[in-house]
């Protein structure tokens, strides 16, 4: 595995339905290729999630931390970090 941890890839495979109507990947390798193609990022905190969305032009000032964490593009990883995938 390259840029994304196995834990990250497994979480994306398991939870991809929160963002996509149909599966975009079925194996760890497909998940990694997909995440690389859409330039998904892993950040360490909800503050970094907020910063990411602000930098991409999204208006997140009114969003609570809970709302940010529940955004369909945000995948909470078991180690406490966050995967952001723009579909």
Protein backbone atom coordinates (compact mmCIF):
# COMPACT_ATOMS: atom_id res chain seq x y z
CA UNK A 1 0.00 0.00 0.00
CA UNK A 2 1.19 3.50 -0.70
CA UNK A 3 -0.11 6.84 0.51
CA UNK A 4 -3.17 5.47 2.33
CA UNK A 5 -3.00 3.06 5.26
CA UNK A 6 -4.72 -0.30 5.05
CA UNK A 7 -7.04 0.86 7.85
CA UNK A 8 -7.97 3.91 5.76
CA UNK A 9 -8.66 1.81 2.65
CA UNK A 10 -10.76 -0.71 4.59
CA UNK A 11 -12.82 2.10 6.14
CA UNK A 12 -13.42 3.65 2.73
CA UNK A 13 -14.46 0.29 1.23
CA UNK A 14 -16.86 -0.36 4.12
CA UNK A 15 -18.39 3.14 4.19
CA UNK A 16 -18.23 4.29 0.56
CA UNK A 17 -22.04 4.12 0.39
CA UNK A 18 -22.25 7.30 2.47
CA UNK A 19 -20.93 9.24 -0.54
CA UNK A 20 -21.70 7.10 -3.59
CA UNK A 21 -24.91 5.39 -4.71
CA UNK A 22 -22.97 2.44 -6.13
CA UNK A 23 -19.61 0.98 -5.05
CA UNK A 24 -16.62 2.63 -6.71
CA UNK A 25 -14.16 0.01 -5.43
CA UNK A 26 -14.32 -3.61 -4.33
CA UNK A 27 -10.71 -4.36 -3.36
CA UNK A 28 -8.05 -2.52 -1.38
CA UNK A 29 -6.13 -1.91 -4.61
CA UNK A 30 -9.19 -0.43 -6.34
CA UNK A 31 -9.89 1.74 -3.30
CA UNK A 32 -6.33 3.04 -3.28
CA UNK A 33 -6.42 3.80 -7.01
CA UNK A 34 -9.75 5.60 -6.65
CA UNK A 35 -8.58 7.69 -3.69
CA UNK A 36 -5.40 8.63 -5.54
CA UNK A 37 -7.39 9.58 -8.66
CA UNK A 38 -9.69 11.91 -6.73
CA UNK A 39 -6.80 13.23 -4.61
CA UNK A 40 -8.40 12.28 -1.30
CA UNK A 41 -6.59 13.57 1.77
CA UNK A 42 -6.14 12.34 5.32
CA UNK A 43 -6.11 15.02 8.03
CA UNK A 44 -5.52 14.78 11.76
CA UNK A 45 -8.40 16.80 13.23
CA UNK A 46 -11.81 18.32 12.62
CA UNK A 47 -10.11 21.73 12.57
CA UNK A 48 -8.08 20.50 9.59
CA UNK A 49 -11.29 19.20 7.98
CA UNK A 50 -12.75 22.71 8.38
CA UNK A 51 -9.60 24.30 6.93
CA UNK A 52 -9.70 21.91 3.95
CA UNK A 53 -13.30 22.83 3.12
CA UNK A 54 -12.60 26.56 3.60
CA UNK A 55 -9.62 26.36 1.24
CA UNK A 56 -11.78 24.63 -1.37
CA UNK A 57 -14.32 27.46 -1.17
CA UNK A 58 -17.02 25.78 0.91
CA UNK A 59 -18.90 27.89 3.44
CA UNK A 60 -18.49 25.88 6.64
CA UNK A 61 -18.49 28.72 9.18
CA UNK A 62 -22.00 27.82 10.32
CA UNK A 63 -21.26 24.08 10.64
CA UNK A 64 -20.67 22.48 14.03
CA UNK A 65 -17.89 19.92 14.50
CA UNK A 66 -20.55 17.21 14.58
CA UNK A 67 -21.98 18.40 11.25
CA UNK A 68 -18.49 18.44 9.72
CA UNK A 69 -17.85 14.90 10.94
CA UNK A 70 -21.18 13.76 9.46
CA UNK A 71 -20.54 15.33 6.03
CA UNK A 72 -20.78 12.66 3.33
CA UNK A 73 -17.25 13.49 2.10
CA UNK A 74 -15.72 12.90 5.54
CA UNK A 75 -14.82 9.38 6.66
CA UNK A 76 -13.85 8.99 10.32
CA UNK A 77 -10.94 6.58 10.56
CA UNK A 78 -10.44 4.22 13.51
CA UNK A 79 -7.21 5.98 14.56
CA UNK A 80 -9.05 9.30 15.02
CA UNK A 81 -7.96 10.88 11.76
CA UNK A 82 -10.26 11.84 8.89
CA UNK A 83 -10.31 10.88 5.21
CA UNK A 84 -11.81 13.55 2.94
CA UNK A 85 -13.06 12.32 -0.44
CA UNK A 86 -14.55 14.69 -2.97
CA UNK A 87 -16.89 12.66 -5.14
